[in-house]
Amino acid sequence: MSTKKKNKPAQNECPEFKSAEEFELLSAADKEKVWNYYNRVIPESEMRPLTKRERARFEKIQRRSVGRPKVGQGAKVVAVTLEKGLLQRVDDYARQHEMKRAEMITKGLLLVIGQRA
């Protein structure tokens, strides 16, 4: 049996919850307390250096690449001027065939240079 007493959170403290489901069960007033707790300037007295485990996790996250995964040699954004009517036809066709505009243009360019899409 634990000898620790569970104190009711003070006015400026955050109610405890361990999952999104538990959070959803909180009252509107408790959800507001959670918001106020996390949406504040954290005082220096609540700060500490990262542990070795936390530091390793932080560095792993920092190394993680962001954005789309690299396919082939990667992608390059290119500005291409198209006549408005043609662009509308491209967009309509792509939408009807559940394609992205870039996918359709890529397939068209591959057809022109003689490669299979």
PDB file of N, CA and C in Angstrom:
ATOM      1  N   MET A   1       0.846  -1.184   0.000  1.00  0.00           N
ATOM      2  CA  MET A   1       0.000   0.000   0.000  1.00  0.00           C
ATOM      3  C   MET A   1       0.883   1.236   0.000  1.00  0.00           C
ATOM      4  N   SER A   2       0.557   2.177  -0.803  1.00  0.00           N
ATOM      5  CA  SER A   2       1.358   3.387  -0.928  1.00  0.00           C
ATOM      6  C   SER A   2       1.058   4.338   0.231  1.00  0.00           C
ATOM      7  N   THR A   3       2.116   4.987   0.719  1.00  0.00           N
ATOM      8  CA  THR A   3       1.936   5.951   1.803  1.00  0.00           C
ATOM      9  C   THR A   3       1.798   7.365   1.266  1.00  0.00           C
ATOM     10  N   LYS A   4       1.972   7.519  -0.061  1.00  0.00           N
ATOM     11  CA  LYS A   4       1.840   8.857  -0.653  1.00  0.00           C
ATOM     12  C   LYS A   4       0.382   9.250  -0.725  1.00  0.00           C
ATOM     13  N   LYS A   5       0.111  10.472  -0.397  1.00  0.00           N
ATOM     14  CA  LYS A   5      -1.234  11.004  -0.532  1.00  0.00           C
ATOM     15  C   LYS A   5      -1.370  11.619  -1.921  1.00  0.00           C
ATOM     16  N   LYS A   6      -2.492  11.385  -2.548  1.00  0.00           N
ATOM     17  CA  LYS A   6      -2.750  12.027  -3.834  1.00  0.00           C
ATOM     18  C   LYS A   6      -3.472  13.328  -3.540  1.00  0.00           C
ATOM     19  N   ASN A   7      -2.757  14.403  -3.753  1.00  0.00           N
ATOM     20  CA  ASN A   7      -3.357  15.714  -3.514  1.00  0.00           C
ATOM     21  C   ASN A   7      -4.179  16.131  -4.719  1.00  0.00           C
ATOM     22  N   LYS A   8      -5.261  16.786  -4.460  1.00  0.00           N
ATOM     23  CA  LYS A   8      -6.071  17.358  -5.533  1.00  0.00           C
ATOM     24  C   LYS A   8      -5.271  18.495  -6.156  1.00  0.00           C
ATOM     25  N   PRO A   9      -5.225  18.610  -7.509  1.00  0.00           N
ATOM     26  CA  PRO A   9      -4.437  19.661  -8.132  1.00  0.00           C
ATOM     27  C   PRO A   9      -4.891  21.053  -7.686  1.00  0.00           C
ATOM     28  N   ALA A  10      -3.921  21.903  -7.448  1.00  0.00           N
ATOM     29  CA  ALA A  10      -4.220  23.290  -7.080  1.00  0.00           C
ATOM     30  C   ALA A  10      -4.785  24.011  -8.296  1.00  0.00           C
ATOM     31  N   GLN A  11      -5.250  25.222  -8.095  1.00  0.00           N
ATOM     32  CA  GLN A  11      -5.885  26.022  -9.145  1.00  0.00           C
ATOM     33  C   GLN A  11      -4.984  26.170 -10.378  1.00  0.00           C
ATOM     34  N   ASN A  12      -3.674  26.348 -10.162  1.00  0.00           N
ATOM     35  CA  ASN A  12      -2.770  26.605 -11.292  1.00  0.00           C
ATOM     36  C   ASN A  12      -2.064  25.335 -11.771  1.00  0.00           C
ATOM     37  N   GLU A  13      -2.410  24.160 -11.228  1.00  0.00           N
ATOM     38  CA  GLU A  13      -1.775  22.921 -11.648  1.00  0.00           C
ATOM     39  C   GLU A  13      -2.615  22.227 -12.712  1.00  0.00           C
ATOM     40  N   CYS A  14      -1.989  21.249 -13.330  1.00  0.00           N
ATOM     41  CA  CYS A  14      -2.626  20.529 -14.422  1.00  0.00           C
ATOM     42  C   CYS A  14      -3.254  19.232 -13.914  1.00  0.00           C
ATOM     43  N   PRO A  15      -4.519  18.971 -14.233  1.00  0.00           N
ATOM     44  CA  PRO A  15      -5.127  17.686 -13.867  1.00  0.00           C
ATOM     45  C   PRO A  15      -4.377  16.552 -14.563  1.00  0.00           C
ATOM     46  N   GLU A  16      -4.294  15.396 -13.911  1.00  0.00           N
ATOM     47  CA  GLU A  16      -3.556  14.268 -14.478  1.00  0.00           C
ATOM     48  C   GLU A  16      -4.432  13.455 -15.426  1.00  0.00           C
ATOM     49  N   PHE A  17      -3.811  13.008 -16.528  1.00  0.00           N
ATOM     50  CA  PHE A  17      -4.457  12.096 -17.466  1.00  0.00           C
ATOM     51  C   PHE A  17      -3.341  11.386 -18.204  1.00  0.00           C
ATOM     52  N   LYS A  18      -3.586  10.145 -18.625  1.00  0.00           N
ATOM     53  CA  LYS A  18      -2.528   9.338 -19.241  1.00  0.00           C
ATOM     54  C   LYS A  18      -2.758   9.053 -20.713  1.00  0.00           C
ATOM     55  N   SER A  19      -3.930   9.404 -21.220  1.00  0.00           N
ATOM     56  CA  SER A  19      -4.213   9.116 -22.627  1.00  0.00           C
ATOM     57  C   SER A  19      -5.206  10.147 -23.155  1.00  0.00           C
ATOM     58  N   ALA A  20      -5.377  10.137 -24.455  1.00  0.00           N
ATOM     59  CA  ALA A  20      -6.348  11.039 -25.076  1.00  0.00           C
ATOM     60  C   ALA A  20      -7.754  10.714 -24.591  1.00  0.00           C
ATOM     61  N   GLU A  21      -8.016   9.423 -24.392  1.00  0.00           N
ATOM     62  CA  GLU A  21      -9.336   9.019 -23.914  1.00  0.00           C
ATOM     63  C   GLU A  21      -9.596   9.594 -22.526  1.00  0.00           C
ATOM     64  N   GLU A  22      -8.581   9.530 -21.639  1.00  0.00           N
ATOM     65  CA  GLU A  22      -8.732  10.093 -20.295  1.00  0.00           C
ATOM     66  C   GLU A  22      -8.906  11.613 -20.361  1.00  0.00           C
ATOM     67  N   PHE A  23      -8.172  12.259 -21.275  1.00  0.00           N
ATOM     68  CA  PHE A  23      -8.315  13.709 -21.430  1.00  0.00           C
ATOM     69  C   PHE A  23      -9.742  14.055 -21.839  1.00  0.00           C
ATOM     70  N   GLU A  24     -10.279  13.290 -22.786  1.00  0.00           N
ATOM     71  CA  GLU A  24     -11.641  13.557 -23.265  1.00  0.00           C
ATOM     72  C   GLU A  24     -12.674  13.443 -22.149  1.00  0.00           C
ATOM     73  N   LEU A  25     -12.384  12.617 -21.149  1.00  0.00           N
ATOM     74  CA  LEU A  25     -13.320  12.437 -20.038  1.00  0.00           C
ATOM     75  C   LEU A  25     -13.263  13.571 -19.015  1.00  0.00           C
ATOM     76  N   LEU A  26     -12.242  14.438 -19.117  1.00  0.00           N
ATOM     77  CA  LEU A  26     -12.136  15.560 -18.185  1.00  0.00           C
ATOM     78  C   LEU A  26     -13.271  16.555 -18.418  1.00  0.00           C
ATOM     79  N   SER A  27     -13.615  17.272 -17.375  1.00  0.00           N
ATOM     80  CA  SER A  27     -14.641  18.313 -17.509  1.00  0.00           C
ATOM     81  C   SER A  27     -14.077  19.476 -18.324  1.00  0.00           C
ATOM     82  N   ALA A  28     -14.950  20.317 -18.800  1.00  0.00           N
ATOM     83  CA  ALA A  28     -14.511  21.491 -19.563  1.00  0.00           C
ATOM     84  C   ALA A  28     -13.597  22.369 -18.705  1.00  0.00           C
ATOM     85  N   ALA A  29     -13.900  22.488 -17.428  1.00  0.00           N
ATOM     86  CA  ALA A  29     -13.071  23.309 -16.532  1.00  0.00           C
ATOM     87  C   ALA A  29     -11.676  22.700 -16.384  1.00  0.00           C
ATOM     88  N   ASP A  30     -11.595  21.354 -16.279  1.00  0.00           N
ATOM     89  CA  ASP A  30     -10.285  20.709 -16.165  1.00  0.00           C
ATOM     90  C   ASP A  30      -9.504  20.823 -17.478  1.00  0.00           C
ATOM     91  N   LYS A  31     -10.196  20.715 -18.607  1.00  0.00           N
ATOM     92  CA  LYS A  31      -9.518  20.887 -19.898  1.00  0.00           C
ATOM     93  C   LYS A  31      -8.950  22.300 -20.004  1.00  0.00           C
ATOM     94  N   GLU A  32      -9.676  23.263 -19.494  1.00  0.00           N
ATOM     95  CA  GLU A  32      -9.197  24.654 -19.483  1.00  0.00           C
ATOM     96  C   GLU A  32      -7.953  24.786 -18.612  1.00  0.00           C
ATOM     97  N   LYS A  33      -7.938  24.074 -17.465  1.00  0.00           N
ATOM     98  CA  LYS A  33      -6.752  24.089 -16.591  1.00  0.00           C
ATOM     99  C   LYS A  33      -5.547  23.494 -17.310  1.00  0.00           C
ATOM    100  N   VAL A  34      -5.773  22.412 -18.061  1.00  0.00           N
ATOM    101  CA  VAL A  34      -4.688  21.796 -18.834  1.00  0.00           C
ATOM    102  C   VAL A  34      -4.151  22.810 -19.841  1.00  0.00           C
ATOM    103  N   TRP A  35      -5.057  23.473 -20.558  1.00  0.00           N
ATOM    104  CA  TRP A  35      -4.647  24.484 -21.541  1.00  0.00           C
ATOM    105  C   TRP A  35      -3.826  25.583 -20.878  1.00  0.00           C
ATOM    106  N   ASN A  36      -4.328  26.101 -19.777  1.00  0.00           N
ATOM    107  CA  ASN A  36      -3.624  27.182 -19.082  1.00  0.00           C
ATOM    108  C   ASN A  36      -2.263  26.729 -18.570  1.00  0.00           C
ATOM    109  N   TYR A  37      -2.160  25.479 -18.129  1.00  0.00           N
ATOM    110  CA  TYR A  37      -0.892  24.959 -17.606  1.00  0.00           C
ATOM    111  C   TYR A  37       0.163  24.896 -18.709  1.00  0.00           C
ATOM    112  N   TYR A  38      -0.212  24.397 -19.883  1.00  0.00           N
ATOM    113  CA  TYR A  38       0.763  24.242 -20.966  1.00  0.00           C
ATOM    114  C   TYR A  38       0.951  25.500 -21.797  1.00  0.00           C
ATOM    115  N   ASN A  39       0.017  26.419 -21.746  1.00  0.00           N
ATOM    116  CA  ASN A  39       0.123  27.656 -22.508  1.00  0.00           C
ATOM    117  C   ASN A  39       0.593  28.776 -21.577  1.00  0.00           C
ATOM    118  N   ARG A  40       1.803  28.644 -21.074  1.00  0.00           N
ATOM    119  CA  ARG A  40       2.346  29.612 -20.119  1.00  0.00           C
ATOM    120  C   ARG A  40       3.854  29.671 -20.269  1.00  0.00           C
ATOM    121  N   VAL A  41       4.435  30.680 -19.690  1.00  0.00           N
ATOM    122  CA  VAL A  41       5.892  30.770 -19.629  1.00  0.00           C
ATOM    123  C   VAL A  41       6.334  29.865 -18.487  1.00  0.00           C
ATOM    124  N   ILE A  42       7.191  28.902 -18.780  1.00  0.00           N
ATOM    125  CA  ILE A  42       7.612  27.950 -17.757  1.00  0.00           C
ATOM    126  C   ILE A  42       8.694  28.594 -16.894  1.00  0.00           C
ATOM    127  N   PRO A  43       8.482  28.652 -15.578  1.00  0.00           N
ATOM    128  CA  PRO A  43       9.478  29.279 -14.705  1.00  0.00           C
ATOM    129  C   PRO A  43      10.750  28.432 -14.631  1.00  0.00           C
ATOM    130  N   GLU A  44      11.864  29.088 -14.409  1.00  0.00           N
ATOM    131  CA  GLU A  44      13.157  28.412 -14.342  1.00  0.00           C
ATOM    132  C   GLU A  44      13.181  27.327 -13.280  1.00  0.00           C
ATOM    133  N   SER A  45      12.402  27.500 -12.223  1.00  0.00           N
ATOM    134  CA  SER A  45      12.376  26.509 -11.142  1.00  0.00           C
ATOM    135  C   SER A  45      11.835  25.156 -11.610  1.00  0.00           C
ATOM    136  N   GLU A  46      11.103  25.121 -12.727  1.00  0.00           N
ATOM    137  CA  GLU A  46      10.566  23.871 -13.256  1.00  0.00           C
ATOM    138  C   GLU A  46      11.451  23.276 -14.347  1.00  0.00           C
ATOM    139  N   MET A  47      12.571  23.920 -14.642  1.00  0.00           N
ATOM    140  CA  MET A  47      13.455  23.439 -15.706  1.00  0.00           C
ATOM    141  C   MET A  47      14.592  22.620 -15.120  1.00  0.00           C
ATOM    142  N   ARG A  48      15.110  21.700 -15.942  1.00  0.00           N
ATOM    143  CA  ARG A  48      16.261  20.891 -15.555  1.00  0.00           C
ATOM    144  C   ARG A  48      16.962  20.436 -16.827  1.00  0.00           C
ATOM    145  N   PRO A  49      18.211  20.019 -16.723  1.00  0.00           N
ATOM    146  CA  PRO A  49      18.890  19.491 -17.913  1.00  0.00           C
ATOM    147  C   PRO A  49      18.265  18.154 -18.331  1.00  0.00           C
ATOM    148  N   LEU A  50      18.396  17.815 -19.603  1.00  0.00           N
ATOM    149  CA  LEU A  50      17.887  16.537 -20.086  1.00  0.00           C
ATOM    150  C   LEU A  50      18.718  15.393 -19.521  1.00  0.00           C
ATOM    151  N   THR A  51      18.065  14.259 -19.271  1.00  0.00           N
ATOM    152  CA  THR A  51      18.799  13.063 -18.868  1.00  0.00           C
ATOM    153  C   THR A  51      19.481  12.499 -20.115  1.00  0.00           C
ATOM    154  N   LYS A  52      20.363  11.510 -19.935  1.00  0.00           N
ATOM    155  CA  LYS A  52      21.034  10.905 -21.094  1.00  0.00           C
ATOM    156  C   LYS A  52      20.008  10.290 -22.056  1.00  0.00           C
ATOM    157  N   ARG A  53      19.009   9.655 -21.495  1.00  0.00           N
ATOM    158  CA  ARG A  53      17.979   9.030 -22.321  1.00  0.00           C
ATOM    159  C   ARG A  53      17.174  10.085 -23.092  1.00  0.00           C
ATOM    160  N   GLU A  54      16.794  11.166 -22.408  1.00  0.00           N
ATOM    161  CA  GLU A  54      16.051  12.241 -23.062  1.00  0.00           C
ATOM    162  C   GLU A  54      16.903  12.919 -24.127  1.00  0.00           C
ATOM    163  N   ARG A  55      18.189  13.123 -23.837  1.00  0.00           N
ATOM    164  CA  ARG A  55      19.110  13.749 -24.789  1.00  0.00           C
ATOM    165  C   ARG A  55      19.234  12.891 -26.044  1.00  0.00           C
ATOM    166  N   ALA A  56      19.381  11.565 -25.862  1.00  0.00           N
ATOM    167  CA  ALA A  56      19.500  10.660 -27.009  1.00  0.00           C
ATOM    168  C   ALA A  56      18.235  10.708 -27.864  1.00  0.00           C
ATOM    169  N   ARG A  57      17.070  10.709 -27.226  1.00  0.00           N
ATOM    170  CA  ARG A  57      15.806  10.776 -27.961  1.00  0.00           C
ATOM    171  C   ARG A  57      15.684  12.093 -28.710  1.00  0.00           C
ATOM    172  N   PHE A  58      16.049  13.190 -28.049  1.00  0.00           N
ATOM    173  CA  PHE A  58      16.002  14.513 -28.674  1.00  0.00           C
ATOM    174  C   PHE A  58      16.903  14.554 -29.911  1.00  0.00           C
ATOM    175  N   GLU A  59      18.114  14.029 -29.786  1.00  0.00           N
ATOM    176  CA  GLU A  59      19.056  14.053 -30.911  1.00  0.00           C
ATOM    177  C   GLU A  59      18.575  13.168 -32.057  1.00  0.00           C
ATOM    178  N   LYS A  60      17.925  12.045 -31.727  1.00  0.00           N
ATOM    179  CA  LYS A  60      17.379  11.174 -32.768  1.00  0.00           C
ATOM    180  C   LYS A  60      16.288  11.904 -33.549  1.00  0.00           C
ATOM    181  N   ILE A  61      15.439  12.624 -32.824  1.00  0.00           N
ATOM    182  CA  ILE A  61      14.370  13.384 -33.470  1.00  0.00           C
ATOM    183  C   ILE A  61      14.959  14.495 -34.335  1.00  0.00           C
ATOM    184  N   GLN A  62      16.013  15.156 -33.861  1.00  0.00           N
ATOM    185  CA  GLN A  62      16.655  16.233 -34.619  1.00  0.00           C
ATOM    186  C   GLN A  62      17.237  15.720 -35.934  1.00  0.00           C
ATOM    187  N   ARG A  63      17.747  14.475 -35.938  1.00  0.00           N
ATOM    188  CA  ARG A  63      18.362  13.904 -37.138  1.00  0.00           C
ATOM    189  C   ARG A  63      17.326  13.468 -38.164  1.00  0.00           C
ATOM    190  N   ARG A  64      16.102  13.225 -37.714  1.00  0.00           N
ATOM    191  CA  ARG A  64      15.043  12.731 -38.585  1.00  0.00           C
ATOM    192  C   ARG A  64      14.802  13.723 -39.715  1.00  0.00           C
ATOM    193  N   SER A  65      14.713  13.197 -40.932  1.00  0.00           N
ATOM    194  CA  SER A  65      14.449  14.098 -42.054  1.00  0.00           C
ATOM    195  C   SER A  65      12.967  14.448 -42.067  1.00  0.00           C
ATOM    196  N   VAL A  66      12.676  15.619 -42.539  1.00  0.00           N
ATOM    197  CA  VAL A  66      11.297  16.065 -42.619  1.00  0.00           C
ATOM    198  C   VAL A  66      10.901  16.186 -44.077  1.00  0.00           C
ATOM    199  N   GLY A  67       9.627  16.192 -44.319  1.00  0.00           N
ATOM    200  CA  GLY A  67       9.142  16.330 -45.686  1.00  0.00           C
ATOM    201  C   GLY A  67       8.896  14.989 -46.330  1.00  0.00           C
ATOM    202  N   ARG A  68       8.729  15.036 -47.628  1.00  0.00           N
ATOM    203  CA  ARG A  68       8.422  13.824 -48.373  1.00  0.00           C
ATOM    204  C   ARG A  68       9.643  12.919 -48.434  1.00  0.00           C
ATOM    205  N   PRO A  69       9.409  11.608 -48.471  1.00  0.00           N
ATOM    206  CA  PRO A  69      10.539  10.692 -48.608  1.00  0.00           C
ATOM    207  C   PRO A  69      11.182  10.850 -49.983  1.00  0.00           C
ATOM    208  N   LYS A  70      12.472  10.645 -50.045  1.00  0.00           N
ATOM    209  CA  LYS A  70      13.203  10.786 -51.295  1.00  0.00           C
ATOM    210  C   LYS A  70      12.906   9.598 -52.199  1.00  0.00           C
ATOM    211  N   VAL A  71      12.476   9.886 -53.422  1.00  0.00           N
ATOM    212  CA  VAL A  71      12.200   8.861 -54.408  1.00  0.00           C
ATOM    213  C   VAL A  71      13.168   9.098 -55.558  1.00  0.00           C
ATOM    214  N   GLY A  72      13.853   8.051 -55.978  1.00  0.00           N
ATOM    215  CA  GLY A  72      14.834   8.218 -57.052  1.00  0.00           C
ATOM    216  C   GLY A  72      15.933   9.162 -56.610  1.00  0.00           C
ATOM    217  N   GLN A  73      16.151  10.203 -57.379  1.00  0.00           N
ATOM    218  CA  GLN A  73      17.186  11.185 -57.043  1.00  0.00           C
ATOM    219  C   GLN A  73      16.618  12.360 -56.262  1.00  0.00           C
ATOM    220  N   GLY A  74      15.378  12.258 -55.812  1.00  0.00           N
ATOM    221  CA  GLY A  74      14.747  13.371 -55.108  1.00  0.00           C
ATOM    222  C   GLY A  74      13.937  14.191 -56.093  1.00  0.00           C
ATOM    223  N   ALA A  75      13.380  15.266 -55.628  1.00  0.00           N
ATOM    224  CA  ALA A  75      12.522  16.092 -56.470  1.00  0.00           C
ATOM    225  C   ALA A  75      13.043  17.519 -56.510  1.00  0.00           C
ATOM    226  N   LYS A  76      12.707  18.212 -57.573  1.00  0.00           N
ATOM    227  CA  LYS A  76      13.087  19.613 -57.756  1.00  0.00           C
ATOM    228  C   LYS A  76      11.836  20.360 -58.196  1.00  0.00           C
ATOM    229  N   VAL A  77      11.537  21.450 -57.522  1.00  0.00           N
ATOM    230  CA  VAL A  77      10.390  22.270 -57.900  1.00  0.00           C
ATOM    231  C   VAL A  77      10.782  23.111 -59.108  1.00  0.00           C
ATOM    232  N   VAL A  78       9.905  23.095 -60.146  1.00  0.00           N
ATOM    233  CA  VAL A  78      10.175  23.873 -61.360  1.00  0.00           C
ATOM    234  C   VAL A  78       8.970  24.737 -61.680  1.00  0.00           C
ATOM    235  N   ALA A  79       9.223  25.979 -62.007  1.00  0.00           N
ATOM    236  CA  ALA A  79       8.140  26.879 -62.413  1.00  0.00           C
ATOM    237  C   ALA A  79       7.965  26.738 -63.913  1.00  0.00           C
ATOM    238  N   VAL A  80       6.774  26.355 -64.336  1.00  0.00           N
ATOM    239  CA  VAL A  80       6.471  26.176 -65.751  1.00  0.00           C
ATOM    240  C   VAL A  80       5.250  27.029 -66.075  1.00  0.00           C
ATOM    241  N   THR A  81       5.314  27.760 -67.185  1.00  0.00           N
ATOM    242  CA  THR A  81       4.184  28.586 -67.599  1.00  0.00           C
ATOM    243  C   THR A  81       3.304  27.782 -68.544  1.00  0.00           C
ATOM    244  N   LEU A  82       2.017  27.684 -68.198  1.00  0.00           N
ATOM    245  CA  LEU A  82       1.049  27.000 -69.046  1.00  0.00           C
ATOM    246  C   LEU A  82      -0.110  27.945 -69.335  1.00  0.00           C
ATOM    247  N   GLU A  83      -0.683  27.797 -70.507  1.00  0.00           N
ATOM    248  CA  GLU A  83      -1.864  28.574 -70.869  1.00  0.00           C
ATOM    249  C   GLU A  83      -2.985  28.173 -69.907  1.00  0.00           C
ATOM    250  N   LYS A  84      -3.782  29.150 -69.460  1.00  0.00           N
ATOM    251  CA  LYS A  84      -4.801  28.895 -68.429  1.00  0.00           C
ATOM    252  C   LYS A  84      -5.797  27.818 -68.824  1.00  0.00           C
ATOM    253  N   GLY A  85      -6.223  27.836 -70.076  1.00  0.00           N
ATOM    254  CA  GLY A  85      -7.182  26.824 -70.541  1.00  0.00           C
ATOM    255  C   GLY A  85      -6.596  25.420 -70.471  1.00  0.00           C
ATOM    256  N   LEU A  86      -5.326  25.284 -70.894  1.00  0.00           N
ATOM    257  CA  LEU A  86      -4.662  23.982 -70.849  1.00  0.00           C
ATOM    258  C   LEU A  86      -4.513  23.512 -69.398  1.00  0.00           C
ATOM    259  N   LEU A  87      -4.129  24.421 -68.506  1.00  0.00           N
ATOM    260  CA  LEU A  87      -3.970  24.072 -67.100  1.00  0.00           C
ATOM    261  C   LEU A  87      -5.298  23.586 -66.513  1.00  0.00           C
ATOM    262  N   GLN A  88      -6.404  24.221 -66.904  1.00  0.00           N
ATOM    263  CA  GLN A  88      -7.719  23.801 -66.420  1.00  0.00           C
ATOM    264  C   GLN A  88      -8.041  22.402 -66.919  1.00  0.00           C
ATOM    265  N   ARG A  89      -7.720  22.140 -68.189  1.00  0.00           N
ATOM    266  CA  ARG A  89      -7.959  20.797 -68.744  1.00  0.00           C
ATOM    267  C   ARG A  89      -7.103  19.749 -68.034  1.00  0.00           C
ATOM    268  N   VAL A  90      -5.848  20.103 -67.744  1.00  0.00           N
ATOM    269  CA  VAL A  90      -4.949  19.200 -67.009  1.00  0.00           C
ATOM    270  C   VAL A  90      -5.533  18.885 -65.636  1.00  0.00           C
ATOM    271  N   ASP A  91      -5.944  19.924 -64.919  1.00  0.00           N
ATOM    272  CA  ASP A  91      -6.505  19.743 -63.579  1.00  0.00           C
ATOM    273  C   ASP A  91      -7.783  18.910 -63.622  1.00  0.00           C
ATOM    274  N   ASP A  92      -8.651  19.162 -64.608  1.00  0.00           N
ATOM    275  CA  ASP A  92      -9.894  18.391 -64.741  1.00  0.00           C
ATOM    276  C   ASP A  92      -9.589  16.915 -64.996  1.00  0.00           C
ATOM    277  N   TYR A  93      -8.674  16.661 -65.922  1.00  0.00           N
ATOM    278  CA  TYR A  93      -8.305  15.279 -66.256  1.00  0.00           C
ATOM    279  C   TYR A  93      -7.706  14.575 -65.042  1.00  0.00           C
ATOM    280  N   ALA A  94      -6.799  15.269 -64.376  1.00  0.00           N
ATOM    281  CA  ALA A  94      -6.140  14.680 -63.200  1.00  0.00           C
ATOM    282  C   ALA A  94      -7.175  14.354 -62.119  1.00  0.00           C
ATOM    283  N   ARG A  95      -8.099  15.258 -61.890  1.00  0.00           N
ATOM    284  CA  ARG A  95      -9.138  15.039 -60.872  1.00  0.00           C
ATOM    285  C   ARG A  95      -9.997  13.832 -61.234  1.00  0.00           C
ATOM    286  N   GLN A  96     -10.407  13.754 -62.526  1.00  0.00           N
ATOM    287  CA  GLN A  96     -11.263  12.654 -62.970  1.00  0.00           C
ATOM    288  C   GLN A  96     -10.557  11.303 -62.837  1.00  0.00           C
ATOM    289  N   HIS A  97      -9.238  11.310 -62.966  1.00  0.00           N
ATOM    290  CA  HIS A  97      -8.469  10.063 -62.916  1.00  0.00           C
ATOM    291  C   HIS A  97      -7.747   9.888 -61.574  1.00  0.00           C
ATOM    292  N   GLU A  98      -8.179  10.682 -60.588  1.00  0.00           N
ATOM    293  CA  GLU A  98      -7.633  10.611 -59.227  1.00  0.00           C
ATOM    294  C   GLU A  98      -6.104  10.661 -59.213  1.00  0.00           C
ATOM    295  N   MET A  99      -5.579  11.674 -59.899  1.00  0.00           N
ATOM    296  CA  MET A  99      -4.139  11.896 -59.966  1.00  0.00           C
ATOM    297  C   MET A  99      -3.837  13.298 -59.456  1.00  0.00           C
ATOM    298  N   LYS A 100      -2.613  13.490 -59.054  1.00  0.00           N
ATOM    299  CA  LYS A 100      -2.142  14.831 -58.730  1.00  0.00           C
ATOM    300  C   LYS A 100      -1.674  15.463 -60.039  1.00  0.00           C
ATOM    301  N   ARG A 101      -1.686  16.786 -60.078  1.00  0.00           N
ATOM    302  CA  ARG A 101      -1.241  17.501 -61.276  1.00  0.00           C
ATOM    303  C   ARG A 101       0.199  17.106 -61.623  1.00  0.00           C
ATOM    304  N   ALA A 102       1.080  17.084 -60.614  1.00  0.00           N
ATOM    305  CA  ALA A 102       2.485  16.766 -60.861  1.00  0.00           C
ATOM    306  C   ALA A 102       2.644  15.352 -61.413  1.00  0.00           C
ATOM    307  N   GLU A 103       1.820  14.420 -60.909  1.00  0.00           N
ATOM    308  CA  GLU A 103       1.883  13.041 -61.392  1.00  0.00           C
ATOM    309  C   GLU A 103       1.500  12.974 -62.870  1.00  0.00           C
ATOM    310  N   MET A 104       0.456  13.711 -63.238  1.00  0.00           N
ATOM    311  CA  MET A 104       0.012  13.706 -64.626  1.00  0.00           C
ATOM    312  C   MET A 104       1.072  14.321 -65.540  1.00  0.00           C
ATOM    313  N   ILE A 105       1.631  15.428 -65.126  1.00  0.00           N
ATOM    314  CA  ILE A 105       2.666  16.085 -65.946  1.00  0.00           C
ATOM    315  C   ILE A 105       3.887  15.179 -66.075  1.00  0.00           C
ATOM    316  N   THR A 106       4.271  14.505 -64.980  1.00  0.00           N
ATOM    317  CA  THR A 106       5.410  13.587 -65.025  1.00  0.00           C
ATOM    318  C   THR A 106       5.152  12.474 -66.027  1.00  0.00           C
ATOM    319  N   LYS A 107       3.960  11.872 -65.971  1.00  0.00           N
ATOM    320  CA  LYS A 107       3.633  10.799 -66.911  1.00  0.00           C
ATOM    321  C   LYS A 107       3.662  11.297 -68.357  1.00  0.00           C
ATOM    322  N   GLY A 108       3.146  12.501 -68.579  1.00  0.00           N
ATOM    323  CA  GLY A 108       3.172  13.070 -69.928  1.00  0.00           C
ATOM    324  C   GLY A 108       4.586  13.301 -70.431  1.00  0.00           C
ATOM    325  N   LEU A 109       5.446  13.823 -69.579  1.00  0.00           N
ATOM    326  CA  LEU A 109       6.840  14.057 -69.980  1.00  0.00           C
ATOM    327  C   LEU A 109       7.561  12.741 -70.278  1.00  0.00           C
ATOM    328  N   LEU A 110       7.291  11.712 -69.464  1.00  0.00           N
ATOM    329  CA  LEU A 110       7.910  10.407 -69.712  1.00  0.00           C
ATOM    330  C   LEU A 110       7.447   9.822 -71.041  1.00  0.00           C
ATOM    331  N   LEU A 111       6.173  10.037 -71.396  1.00  0.00           N
ATOM    332  CA  LEU A 111       5.677   9.577 -72.694  1.00  0.00           C
ATOM    333  C   LEU A 111       6.405  10.276 -73.844  1.00  0.00           C
ATOM    334  N   VAL A 112       6.622  11.574 -73.699  1.00  0.00           N
ATOM    335  CA  VAL A 112       7.285  12.358 -74.746  1.00  0.00           C
ATOM    336  C   VAL A 112       8.723  11.874 -74.953  1.00  0.00           C
ATOM    337  N   ILE A 113       9.427  11.566 -73.858  1.00  0.00           N
ATOM    338  CA  ILE A 113      10.830  11.146 -74.023  1.00  0.00           C
ATOM    339  C   ILE A 113      10.965   9.639 -74.226  1.00  0.00           C
ATOM    340  N   GLY A 114       9.827   8.924 -74.291  1.00  0.00           N
ATOM    341  CA  GLY A 114       9.856   7.508 -74.661  1.00  0.00           C
ATOM    342  C   GLY A 114      10.090   6.544 -73.527  1.00  0.00           C
ATOM    343  N   GLN A 115       9.788   6.927 -72.300  1.00  0.00           N
ATOM    344  CA  GLN A 115       9.922   5.999 -71.190  1.00  0.00           C
ATOM    345  C   GLN A 115       8.546   5.643 -70.666  1.00  0.00           C
ATOM    346  N   ARG A 116       8.427   4.468 -70.089  1.00  0.00           N
ATOM    347  CA  ARG A 116       7.147   4.052 -69.510  1.00  0.00           C
ATOM    348  C   ARG A 116       6.966   4.727 -68.154  1.00  0.00           C
ATOM    349  N   ALA A 117       5.738   5.180 -67.867  1.00  0.00           N
ATOM    350  CA  ALA A 117       5.436   5.834 -66.595  1.00  0.00           C
ATOM    351  C   ALA A 117       5.187   4.818 -65.511  1.00  0.00           C
TER     352      ALA A 117
END
